[in-house]
Amino acid sequence: YYGVLLPLPAIAKEASGSDWRRGGRYAQDFVAPYFLWLPIVALVALV
């Protein structure tokens, strides 16, 4: 029907590509403001 194997957003965003540096900054943007590593470390220690 659409003529391609992926939805267009996946093609537009080049979902098979890589940009580790920018991805690392994205993860940091999530973890750092909330000190998310604190509960994760606590739960890992518990387990």
All heavy atoms as atom14 arrays in JSON, in Angstrom:
{
  "sequence": "YYGVLLPLPAIAKEASGSDWRRGGRYAQDFVAPYFLWLPIVALVALV",
  "atom14_mask": [
    [1, 1, 1, 1, 1, 1, 1, 1, 1, 1, 1, 1, 0, 0],
    [1, 1, 1, 1, 1, 1, 1, 1, 1, 1, 1, 1, 0, 0],
    [1, 1, 1, 1, 0, 0, 0, 0, 0, 0, 0, 0, 0, 0],
    [1, 1, 1, 1, 1, 1, 1, 0, 0, 0, 0, 0, 0, 0],
    [1, 1, 1, 1, 1, 1, 1, 1, 0, 0, 0, 0, 0, 0],
    [1, 1, 1, 1, 1, 1, 1, 1, 0, 0, 0, 0, 0, 0],
    [1, 1, 1, 1, 1, 1, 1, 0, 0, 0, 0, 0, 0, 0],
    [1, 1, 1, 1, 1, 1, 1, 1, 0, 0, 0, 0, 0, 0],
    [1, 1, 1, 1, 1, 1, 1, 0, 0, 0, 0, 0, 0, 0],
    [1, 1, 1, 1, 1, 0, 0, 0, 0, 0, 0, 0, 0, 0],
    [1, 1, 1, 1, 1, 1, 1, 1, 0, 0, 0, 0, 0, 0],
    [1, 1, 1, 1, 1, 0, 0, 0, 0, 0, 0, 0, 0, 0],
    [1, 1, 1, 1, 1, 1, 1, 1, 1, 0, 0, 0, 0, 0],
    [1, 1, 1, 1, 1, 1, 1, 1, 1, 0, 0, 0, 0, 0],
    [1, 1, 1, 1, 1, 0, 0, 0, 0, 0, 0, 0, 0, 0],
    [1, 1, 1, 1, 1, 1, 0, 0, 0, 0, 0, 0, 0, 0],
    [1, 1, 1, 1, 0, 0, 0, 0, 0, 0, 0, 0, 0, 0],
    [1, 1, 1, 1, 1, 1, 0, 0, 0, 0, 0, 0, 0, 0],
    [1, 1, 1, 1, 1, 1, 1, 1, 0, 0, 0, 0, 0, 0],
    [1, 1, 1, 1, 1, 1, 1, 1, 1, 1, 1, 1, 1, 1],
    [1, 1, 1, 1, 1, 1, 1, 1, 1, 1, 1, 0, 0, 0],
    [1, 1, 1, 1, 1, 1, 1, 1, 1, 1, 1, 0, 0, 0],
    [1, 1, 1, 1, 0, 0, 0, 0, 0, 0, 0, 0, 0, 0],
    [1, 1, 1, 1, 0, 0, 0, 0, 0, 0, 0, 0, 0, 0],
    [1, 1, 1, 1, 1, 1, 1, 1, 1, 1, 1, 0, 0, 0],
    [1, 1, 1, 1, 1, 1, 1, 1, 1, 1, 1, 1, 0, 0],
    [1, 1, 1, 1, 1, 0, 0, 0, 0, 0, 0, 0, 0, 0],
    [1, 1, 1, 1, 1, 1, 1, 1, 1, 0, 0, 0, 0, 0],
    [1, 1, 1, 1, 1, 1, 1, 1, 0, 0, 0, 0, 0, 0],
    [1, 1, 1, 1, 1, 1, 1, 1, 1, 1, 1, 0, 0, 0],
    [1, 1, 1, 1, 1, 1, 1, 0, 0, 0, 0, 0, 0, 0],
    [1, 1, 1, 1, 1, 0, 0, 0, 0, 0, 0, 0, 0, 0],
    [1, 1, 1, 1, 1, 1, 1, 0, 0, 0, 0, 0, 0, 0],
    [1, 1, 1, 1, 1, 1, 1, 1, 1, 1, 1, 1, 0, 0],
    [1, 1, 1, 1, 1, 1, 1, 1, 1, 1, 1, 0, 0, 0],
    [1, 1, 1, 1, 1, 1, 1, 1, 0, 0, 0, 0, 0, 0],
    [1, 1, 1, 1, 1, 1, 1, 1, 1, 1, 1, 1, 1, 1],
    [1, 1, 1, 1, 1, 1, 1, 1, 0, 0, 0, 0, 0, 0],
    [1, 1, 1, 1, 1, 1, 1, 0, 0, 0, 0, 0, 0, 0],
    [1, 1, 1, 1, 1, 1, 1, 1, 0, 0, 0, 0, 0, 0],
    [1, 1, 1, 1, 1, 1, 1, 0, 0, 0, 0, 0, 0, 0],
    [1, 1, 1, 1, 1, 0, 0, 0, 0, 0, 0, 0, 0, 0],
    [1, 1, 1, 1, 1, 1, 1, 1, 0, 0, 0, 0, 0, 0],
    [1, 1, 1, 1, 1, 1, 1, 0, 0, 0, 0, 0, 0, 0],
    [1, 1, 1, 1, 1, 0, 0, 0, 0, 0, 0, 0, 0, 0],
    [1, 1, 1, 1, 1, 1, 1, 1, 0, 0, 0, 0, 0, 0],
    [1, 1, 1, 1, 1, 1, 1, 0, 0, 0, 0, 0, 0, 0]
  ],
  "atom14_positions": [
    [[0.82, -1.21, 0.0], [0.0, 0.0, 0.0], [0.85, 1.26, 0.0], [0.61, 2.19, -0.78], [-0.92, -0.02, 1.23], [-1.95, 1.08, 1.25], [-3.09, 1.01, 0.45], [-1.79, 2.19, 2.08], [-4.04, 2.02, 0.47], [-2.75, 3.19, 2.11], [-3.87, 3.11, 1.3], [-4.8, 4.11, 1.32], [0.0, 0.0, 0.0], [0.0, 0.0, 0.0]],
    [[1.85, 1.3, 0.88], [2.7, 2.49, 0.99], [3.97, 2.4, 0.15], [4.63, 3.41, -0.08], [3.09, 2.72, 2.45], [1.93, 3.01, 3.37], [1.55, 2.08, 4.34], [1.22, 4.2, 3.3], [0.49, 2.34, 5.21], [0.16, 4.47, 4.15], [-0.2, 3.53, 5.1], [-1.25, 3.79, 5.95], [0.0, 0.0, 0.0], [0.0, 0.0, 0.0]],
    [[4.35, 1.19, -0.24], [5.52, 1.03, -1.1], [6.85, 0.96, -0.37], [7.89, 0.9, -1.01], [0.0, 0.0, 0.0], [0.0, 0.0, 0.0], [0.0, 0.0, 0.0], [0.0, 0.0, 0.0], [0.0, 0.0, 0.0], [0.0, 0.0, 0.0], [0.0, 0.0, 0.0], [0.0, 0.0, 0.0], [0.0, 0.0, 0.0], [0.0, 0.0, 0.0]],
    [[6.85, 0.97, 0.96], [8.08, 0.9, 1.74], [7.87, -0.07, 2.9], [6.75, -0.47, 3.21], [8.51, 2.29, 2.27], [9.02, 3.17, 1.15], [7.36, 2.96, 3.02], [0.0, 0.0, 0.0], [0.0, 0.0, 0.0], [0.0, 0.0, 0.0], [0.0, 0.0, 0.0], [0.0, 0.0, 0.0], [0.0, 0.0, 0.0], [0.0, 0.0, 0.0]],
    [[8.97, -0.43, 3.58], [8.92, -1.42, 4.65], [8.83, -0.81, 6.04], [8.68, -1.55, 7.02], [10.17, -2.32, 4.57], [10.33, -3.13, 3.29], [11.68, -3.83, 3.26], [9.19, -4.14, 3.16], [0.0, 0.0, 0.0], [0.0, 0.0, 0.0], [0.0, 0.0, 0.0], [0.0, 0.0, 0.0], [0.0, 0.0, 0.0], [0.0, 0.0, 0.0]],
    [[8.95, 0.5, 6.13], [8.93, 1.17, 7.42], [8.0, 2.38, 7.35], [7.79, 2.94, 6.27], [10.35, 1.67, 7.79], [11.43, 0.61, 8.0], [12.8, 1.3, 8.1], [11.16, -0.21, 9.24], [0.0, 0.0, 0.0], [0.0, 0.0, 0.0], [0.0, 0.0, 0.0], [0.0, 0.0, 0.0], [0.0, 0.0, 0.0], [0.0, 0.0, 0.0]],
    [[7.43, 2.79, 8.48], [6.7, 4.06, 8.48], [7.64, 5.2, 8.15], [8.84, 5.14, 8.44], [6.15, 4.16, 9.91], [6.99, 3.24, 10.73], [7.44, 2.16, 9.81], [0.0, 0.0, 0.0], [0.0, 0.0, 0.0], [0.0, 0.0, 0.0], [0.0, 0.0, 0.0], [0.0, 0.0, 0.0], [0.0, 0.0, 0.0], [0.0, 0.0, 0.0]],
    [[7.11, 6.23, 7.53], [7.97, 7.33, 7.07], [8.79, 7.97, 8.18], [9.95, 8.34, 7.94], [7.12, 8.39, 6.36], [6.62, 8.03, 4.96], [5.93, 9.23, 4.32], [7.75, 7.54, 4.07], [0.0, 0.0, 0.0], [0.0, 0.0, 0.0], [0.0, 0.0, 0.0], [0.0, 0.0, 0.0], [0.0, 0.0, 0.0], [0.0, 0.0, 0.0]],
    [[8.28, 8.14, 9.42], [9.14, 8.72, 10.46], [10.41, 7.92, 10.7], [11.46, 8.5, 10.99], [8.23, 8.73, 11.7], [6.86, 8.84, 11.14], [6.88, 8.02, 9.88], [0.0, 0.0, 0.0], [0.0, 0.0, 0.0], [0.0, 0.0, 0.0], [0.0, 0.0, 0.0], [0.0, 0.0, 0.0], [0.0, 0.0, 0.0], [0.0, 0.0, 0.0]],
    [[10.34, 6.59, 10.59], [11.54, 5.77, 10.79], [12.54, 6.0, 9.67], [13.76, 6.01, 9.9], [11.16, 4.29, 10.86], [0.0, 0.0, 0.0], [0.0, 0.0, 0.0], [0.0, 0.0, 0.0], [0.0, 0.0, 0.0], [0.0, 0.0, 0.0], [0.0, 0.0, 0.0], [0.0, 0.0, 0.0], [0.0, 0.0, 0.0], [0.0, 0.0, 0.0]],
    [[12.05, 6.21, 8.44], [12.95, 6.5, 7.32], [13.53, 7.9, 7.47], [14.72, 8.12, 7.29], [12.19, 6.36, 5.98], [11.7, 4.92, 5.8], [13.07, 6.77, 4.81], [10.83, 4.71, 4.57], [0.0, 0.0, 0.0], [0.0, 0.0, 0.0], [0.0, 0.0, 0.0], [0.0, 0.0, 0.0], [0.0, 0.0, 0.0], [0.0, 0.0, 0.0]],
    [[12.68, 8.85, 7.83], [13.14, 10.24, 7.96], [14.19, 10.38, 9.05], [15.14, 11.16, 8.92], [11.95, 11.16, 8.24], [0.0, 0.0, 0.0], [0.0, 0.0, 0.0], [0.0, 0.0, 0.0], [0.0, 0.0, 0.0], [0.0, 0.0, 0.0], [0.0, 0.0, 0.0], [0.0, 0.0, 0.0], [0.0, 0.0, 0.0], [0.0, 0.0, 0.0]],
    [[14.02, 9.65, 10.15], [14.94, 9.76, 11.28], [16.15, 8.84, 11.15], [17.0, 8.82, 12.04], [14.19, 9.47, 12.58], [13.1, 10.48, 12.88], [12.33, 10.13, 14.15], [11.21, 11.13, 14.41], [10.44, 10.82, 15.64], [0.0, 0.0, 0.0], [0.0, 0.0, 0.0], [0.0, 0.0, 0.0], [0.0, 0.0, 0.0], [0.0, 0.0, 0.0]],
    [[16.22, 8.09, 10.02], [17.34, 7.18, 9.79], [17.57, 6.32, 11.03], [18.61, 6.34, 11.68], [18.61, 7.95, 9.42], [18.49, 8.8, 8.17], [18.35, 7.96, 6.9], [18.42, 6.72, 6.96], [18.15, 8.56, 5.82], [0.0, 0.0, 0.0], [0.0, 0.0, 0.0], [0.0, 0.0, 0.0], [0.0, 0.0, 0.0], [0.0, 0.0, 0.0]],
    [[16.53, 5.5, 11.35], [16.55, 4.72, 12.59], [17.66, 3.68, 12.61], [17.97, 3.13, 13.68], [15.19, 4.03, 12.77], [0.0, 0.0, 0.0], [0.0, 0.0, 0.0], [0.0, 0.0, 0.0], [0.0, 0.0, 0.0], [0.0, 0.0, 0.0], [0.0, 0.0, 0.0], [0.0, 0.0, 0.0], [0.0, 0.0, 0.0], [0.0, 0.0, 0.0]],
    [[18.28, 3.4, 11.47], [19.39, 2.45, 11.45], [20.74, 3.14, 11.62], [21.77, 2.47, 11.7], [19.39, 1.66, 10.13], [19.55, 2.55, 9.02], [0.0, 0.0, 0.0], [0.0, 0.0, 0.0], [0.0, 0.0, 0.0], [0.0, 0.0, 0.0], [0.0, 0.0, 0.0], [0.0, 0.0, 0.0], [0.0, 0.0, 0.0], [0.0, 0.0, 0.0]],
    [[20.75, 4.47, 11.67], [22.01, 5.21, 11.82], [22.46, 5.26, 13.27], [21.84, 4.69, 14.17], [0.0, 0.0, 0.0], [0.0, 0.0, 0.0], [0.0, 0.0, 0.0], [0.0, 0.0, 0.0], [0.0, 0.0, 0.0], [0.0, 0.0, 0.0], [0.0, 0.0, 0.0], [0.0, 0.0, 0.0], [0.0, 0.0, 0.0], [0.0, 0.0, 0.0]],
    [[23.57, 5.95, 13.5], [24.1, 6.04, 14.86], [24.69, 7.43, 15.11], [25.29, 8.03, 14.22], [25.16, 4.98, 15.11], [26.28, 5.17, 14.29], [0.0, 0.0, 0.0], [0.0, 0.0, 0.0], [0.0, 0.0, 0.0], [0.0, 0.0, 0.0], [0.0, 0.0, 0.0], [0.0, 0.0, 0.0], [0.0, 0.0, 0.0], [0.0, 0.0, 0.0]],
    [[24.48, 7.89, 16.33], [25.06, 9.15, 16.81], [25.18, 9.02, 18.32], [24.36, 9.55, 19.07], [24.2, 10.34, 16.4], [24.9, 11.68, 16.67], [25.87, 11.68, 17.46], [24.48, 12.7, 16.11], [0.0, 0.0, 0.0], [0.0, 0.0, 0.0], [0.0, 0.0, 0.0], [0.0, 0.0, 0.0], [0.0, 0.0, 0.0], [0.0, 0.0, 0.0]],
    [[26.2, 8.28, 18.76], [26.35, 7.96, 20.17], [26.54, 9.2, 21.03], [26.03, 9.27, 22.15], [27.54, 7.02, 20.36], [27.32, 5.64, 19.85], [27.7, 5.14, 18.63], [26.66, 4.55, 20.52], [27.31, 3.82, 18.5], [26.68, 3.44, 19.65], [26.06, 4.43, 21.77], [26.12, 2.21, 20.01], [25.5, 3.21, 22.12], [25.53, 2.11, 21.25]],
    [[27.25, 10.19, 20.51], [27.51, 11.38, 21.32], [26.23, 12.13, 21.62], [25.97, 12.49, 22.77], [28.51, 12.29, 20.6], [28.83, 13.57, 21.36], [29.89, 14.39, 20.65], [31.16, 13.67, 20.59], [32.27, 14.16, 20.04], [32.24, 15.37, 19.47], [33.37, 13.45, 20.02], [0.0, 0.0, 0.0], [0.0, 0.0, 0.0], [0.0, 0.0, 0.0]],
    [[25.43, 12.36, 20.6], [24.18, 13.06, 20.83], [23.24, 12.22, 21.69], [22.52, 12.74, 22.55], [23.51, 13.39, 19.49], [22.31, 14.32, 19.61], [21.66, 14.55, 18.26], [21.05, 13.33, 17.75], [20.53, 13.21, 16.54], [20.57, 14.22, 15.71], [19.98, 12.07, 16.15], [0.0, 0.0, 0.0], [0.0, 0.0, 0.0], [0.0, 0.0, 0.0]],
    [[23.25, 10.9, 21.48], [22.43, 10.02, 22.3], [22.85, 10.04, 23.75], [22.0, 9.98, 24.66], [0.0, 0.0, 0.0], [0.0, 0.0, 0.0], [0.0, 0.0, 0.0], [0.0, 0.0, 0.0], [0.0, 0.0, 0.0], [0.0, 0.0, 0.0], [0.0, 0.0, 0.0], [0.0, 0.0, 0.0], [0.0, 0.0, 0.0], [0.0, 0.0, 0.0]],
    [[24.15, 10.13, 23.99], [24.63, 10.22, 25.36], [24.16, 11.5, 26.04], [23.78, 11.5, 27.22], [0.0, 0.0, 0.0], [0.0, 0.0, 0.0], [0.0, 0.0, 0.0], [0.0, 0.0, 0.0], [0.0, 0.0, 0.0], [0.0, 0.0, 0.0], [0.0, 0.0, 0.0], [0.0, 0.0, 0.0], [0.0, 0.0, 0.0], [0.0, 0.0, 0.0]],
    [[24.14, 12.59, 25.28], [23.65, 13.85, 25.84], [22.14, 13.76, 26.13], [21.65, 14.35, 27.09], [23.95, 15.01, 24.88], [25.43, 15.36, 24.78], [25.62, 16.73, 24.15], [25.17, 16.76, 22.77], [25.94, 16.55, 21.71], [27.23, 16.26, 21.9], [25.46, 16.62, 20.5], [0.0, 0.0, 0.0], [0.0, 0.0, 0.0], [0.0, 0.0, 0.0]],
    [[21.44, 13.03, 25.28], [20.0, 12.85, 25.5], [19.76, 12.07, 26.8], [18.88, 12.43, 27.6], [19.39, 12.1, 24.32], [17.91, 11.86, 24.45], [17.0, 12.9, 24.33], [17.41, 10.57, 24.68], [15.64, 12.69, 24.44], [16.04, 10.34, 24.79], [15.17, 11.4, 24.67], [13.82, 11.19, 24.79], [0.0, 0.0, 0.0], [0.0, 0.0, 0.0]],
    [[20.54, 11.01, 27.01], [20.4, 10.23, 28.25], [20.76, 11.08, 29.46], [20.09, 11.04, 30.5], [21.27, 8.98, 28.18], [0.0, 0.0, 0.0], [0.0, 0.0, 0.0], [0.0, 0.0, 0.0], [0.0, 0.0, 0.0], [0.0, 0.0, 0.0], [0.0, 0.0, 0.0], [0.0, 0.0, 0.0], [0.0, 0.0, 0.0], [0.0, 0.0, 0.0]],
    [[21.81, 11.88, 29.32], [22.21, 12.75, 30.43], [21.13, 13.78, 30.74], [20.9, 14.12, 31.9], [23.53, 13.44, 30.09], [24.09, 14.3, 31.22], [25.39, 14.98, 30.83], [25.71, 15.09, 29.65], [26.15, 15.42, 31.82], [0.0, 0.0, 0.0], [0.0, 0.0, 0.0], [0.0, 0.0, 0.0], [0.0, 0.0, 0.0], [0.0, 0.0, 0.0]],
    [[20.46, 14.27, 29.7], [19.38, 15.25, 29.89], [18.25, 14.65, 30.72], [17.5, 15.39, 31.37], [18.87, 15.69, 28.51], [17.78, 16.73, 28.6], [18.1, 17.9, 28.85], [16.59, 16.36, 28.42], [0.0, 0.0, 0.0], [0.0, 0.0, 0.0], [0.0, 0.0, 0.0], [0.0, 0.0, 0.0], [0.0, 0.0, 0.0], [0.0, 0.0, 0.0]],
    [[18.11, 13.33, 30.69], [17.09, 12.65, 31.48], [17.58, 12.31, 32.89], [16.9, 12.56, 33.89], [16.65, 11.38, 30.76], [15.61, 10.57, 31.49], [14.64, 11.17, 32.28], [15.58, 9.2, 31.37], [13.67, 10.42, 32.95], [14.63, 8.43, 32.03], [13.67, 9.05, 32.82], [0.0, 0.0, 0.0], [0.0, 0.0, 0.0], [0.0, 0.0, 0.0]],
    [[18.78, 11.78, 32.99], [19.28, 11.25, 34.26], [19.71, 12.37, 35.21], [19.37, 12.37, 36.4], [20.44, 10.27, 34.02], [21.07, 9.84, 35.34], [19.95, 9.06, 33.23], [0.0, 0.0, 0.0], [0.0, 0.0, 0.0], [0.0, 0.0, 0.0], [0.0, 0.0, 0.0], [0.0, 0.0, 0.0], [0.0, 0.0, 0.0], [0.0, 0.0, 0.0]],
    [[20.46, 13.34, 34.69], [21.11, 14.33, 35.56], [20.15, 15.22, 36.34], [20.32, 15.4, 37.55], [22.08, 15.17, 34.73], [0.0, 0.0, 0.0], [0.0, 0.0, 0.0], [0.0, 0.0, 0.0], [0.0, 0.0, 0.0], [0.0, 0.0, 0.0], [0.0, 0.0, 0.0], [0.0, 0.0, 0.0], [0.0, 0.0, 0.0], [0.0, 0.0, 0.0]],
    [[19.1, 15.81, 35.72], [18.27, 16.75, 36.49], [17.57, 16.12, 37.69], [17.27, 16.81, 38.66], [17.25, 17.24, 35.45], [17.87, 16.97, 34.13], [18.69, 15.73, 34.32], [0.0, 0.0, 0.0], [0.0, 0.0, 0.0], [0.0, 0.0, 0.0], [0.0, 0.0, 0.0], [0.0, 0.0, 0.0], [0.0, 0.0, 0.0], [0.0, 0.0, 0.0]],
    [[17.3, 14.82, 37.61], [16.55, 14.16, 38.68], [17.43, 13.28, 39.56], [16.91, 12.57, 40.42], [15.42, 13.31, 38.07], [14.61, 14.04, 37.04], [14.67, 13.69, 35.69], [13.79, 15.11, 37.4], [13.93, 14.37, 34.74], [13.04, 15.79, 36.45], [13.12, 15.42, 35.12], [12.4, 16.1, 34.18], [0.0, 0.0, 0.0], [0.0, 0.0, 0.0]],
    [[18.75, 13.31, 39.33], [19.66, 12.44, 40.07], [19.14, 11.0, 40.02], [19.11, 10.29, 41.04], [19.82, 12.91, 41.52], [20.44, 14.27, 41.65], [19.64, 15.41, 41.72], [21.81, 14.43, 41.67], [20.2, 16.68, 41.82], [22.38, 15.69, 41.78], [21.58, 16.82, 41.86], [0.0, 0.0, 0.0], [0.0, 0.0, 0.0], [0.0, 0.0, 0.0]],
    [[18.74, 10.59, 38.82], [18.08, 9.3, 38.65], [19.0, 8.13, 39.0], [18.52, 7.03, 39.31], [17.58, 9.17, 37.2], [16.7, 7.98, 36.85], [15.49, 7.88, 37.77], [16.26, 8.07, 35.39], [0.0, 0.0, 0.0], [0.0, 0.0, 0.0], [0.0, 0.0, 0.0], [0.0, 0.0, 0.0], [0.0, 0.0, 0.0], [0.0, 0.0, 0.0]],
    [[20.29, 8.36, 38.95], [21.21, 7.28, 39.28], [21.1, 6.87, 40.74], [21.43, 5.72, 41.09], [22.65, 7.71, 38.96], [23.11, 8.95, 39.67], [22.97, 10.24, 39.25], [23.75, 9.01, 40.95], [23.49, 11.11, 40.17], [23.98, 10.38, 41.23], [24.17, 8.06, 41.87], [24.61, 10.81, 42.39], [24.79, 8.48, 43.04], [25.01, 9.84, 43.28]],
    [[20.63, 7.76, 41.62], [20.55, 7.43, 43.04], [19.58, 6.27, 43.32], [19.98, 5.26, 43.93], [20.14, 8.67, 43.84], [21.23, 9.72, 44.07], [20.64, 10.96, 44.72], [22.34, 9.15, 44.94], [0.0, 0.0, 0.0], [0.0, 0.0, 0.0], [0.0, 0.0, 0.0], [0.0, 0.0, 0.0], [0.0, 0.0, 0.0], [0.0, 0.0, 0.0]],
    [[18.31, 6.34, 42.9], [17.43, 5.2, 43.16], [17.83, 3.96, 42.38], [17.62, 2.83, 42.86], [16.05, 5.71, 42.73], [16.33, 6.79, 41.75], [17.59, 7.45, 42.23], [0.0, 0.0, 0.0], [0.0, 0.0, 0.0], [0.0, 0.0, 0.0], [0.0, 0.0, 0.0], [0.0, 0.0, 0.0], [0.0, 0.0, 0.0], [0.0, 0.0, 0.0]],
    [[18.41, 4.14, 41.2], [18.83, 2.98, 40.42], [19.95, 2.24, 41.15], [19.93, 1.0, 41.27], [19.27, 3.41, 39.01], [18.05, 3.88, 38.21], [19.96, 2.26, 38.29], [18.37, 4.4, 36.83], [0.0, 0.0, 0.0], [0.0, 0.0, 0.0], [0.0, 0.0, 0.0], [0.0, 0.0, 0.0], [0.0, 0.0, 0.0], [0.0, 0.0, 0.0]],
    [[20.93, 2.97, 41.66], [22.01, 2.34, 42.43], [21.45, 1.65, 43.67], [21.85, 0.52, 44.01], [23.07, 3.39, 42.82], [24.03, 2.82, 43.86], [23.84, 3.84, 41.59], [0.0, 0.0, 0.0], [0.0, 0.0, 0.0], [0.0, 0.0, 0.0], [0.0, 0.0, 0.0], [0.0, 0.0, 0.0], [0.0, 0.0, 0.0], [0.0, 0.0, 0.0]],
    [[20.51, 2.29, 44.35], [19.92, 1.69, 45.54], [19.2, 0.39, 45.22], [19.34, -0.61, 45.94], [18.96, 2.68, 46.2], [0.0, 0.0, 0.0], [0.0, 0.0, 0.0], [0.0, 0.0, 0.0], [0.0, 0.0, 0.0], [0.0, 0.0, 0.0], [0.0, 0.0, 0.0], [0.0, 0.0, 0.0], [0.0, 0.0, 0.0], [0.0, 0.0, 0.0]],
    [[18.44, 0.37, 44.13], [17.7, -0.84, 43.77], [18.64, -1.94, 43.27], [18.41, -3.12, 43.55], [16.65, -0.5, 42.71], [15.49, 0.37, 43.21], [14.58, 0.76, 42.06], [14.69, -0.35, 44.29], [0.0, 0.0, 0.0], [0.0, 0.0, 0.0], [0.0, 0.0, 0.0], [0.0, 0.0, 0.0], [0.0, 0.0, 0.0], [0.0, 0.0, 0.0]],
    [[19.68, -1.55, 42.54], [20.67, -2.55, 42.12], [21.34, -3.17, 43.34], [21.56, -4.4, 43.42], [21.71, -1.92, 41.18], [22.9, -2.87, 40.96], [21.08, -1.56, 39.84], [0.0, 0.0, 0.0], [0.0, 0.0, 0.0], [0.0, 0.0, 0.0], [0.0, 0.0, 0.0], [0.0, 0.0, 0.0], [0.0, 0.0, 0.0], [0.0, 0.0, 0.0]],
    [[21.67, -2.34, 44.33], [22.28, -2.87, 45.55], [21.32, -3.8, 46.27], [21.73, -4.86, 46.78], [22.67, -1.7, 46.46], [0.0, 0.0, 0.0], [0.0, 0.0, 0.0], [0.0, 0.0, 0.0], [0.0, 0.0, 0.0], [0.0, 0.0, 0.0], [0.0, 0.0, 0.0], [0.0, 0.0, 0.0], [0.0, 0.0, 0.0], [0.0, 0.0, 0.0]],
    [[20.04, -3.43, 46.33], [19.05, -4.28, 46.97], [18.96, -5.65, 46.3], [18.98, -6.69, 46.97], [17.68, -3.6, 46.94], [16.48, -4.45, 47.38], [16.63, -4.85, 48.84], [15.17, -3.69, 47.15], [0.0, 0.0, 0.0], [0.0, 0.0, 0.0], [0.0, 0.0, 0.0], [0.0, 0.0, 0.0], [0.0, 0.0, 0.0], [0.0, 0.0, 0.0]],
    [[18.88, -5.63, 44.97], [18.78, -6.89, 44.24], [20.05, -7.73, 44.45], [19.98, -8.95, 44.67], [18.54, -6.62, 42.74], [18.64, -7.92, 41.95], [17.17, -5.98, 42.54], [0.0, 0.0, 0.0], [0.0, 0.0, 0.0], [0.0, 0.0, 0.0], [0.0, 0.0, 0.0], [0.0, 0.0, 0.0], [0.0, 0.0, 0.0], [0.0, 0.0, 0.0]]
  ]
}
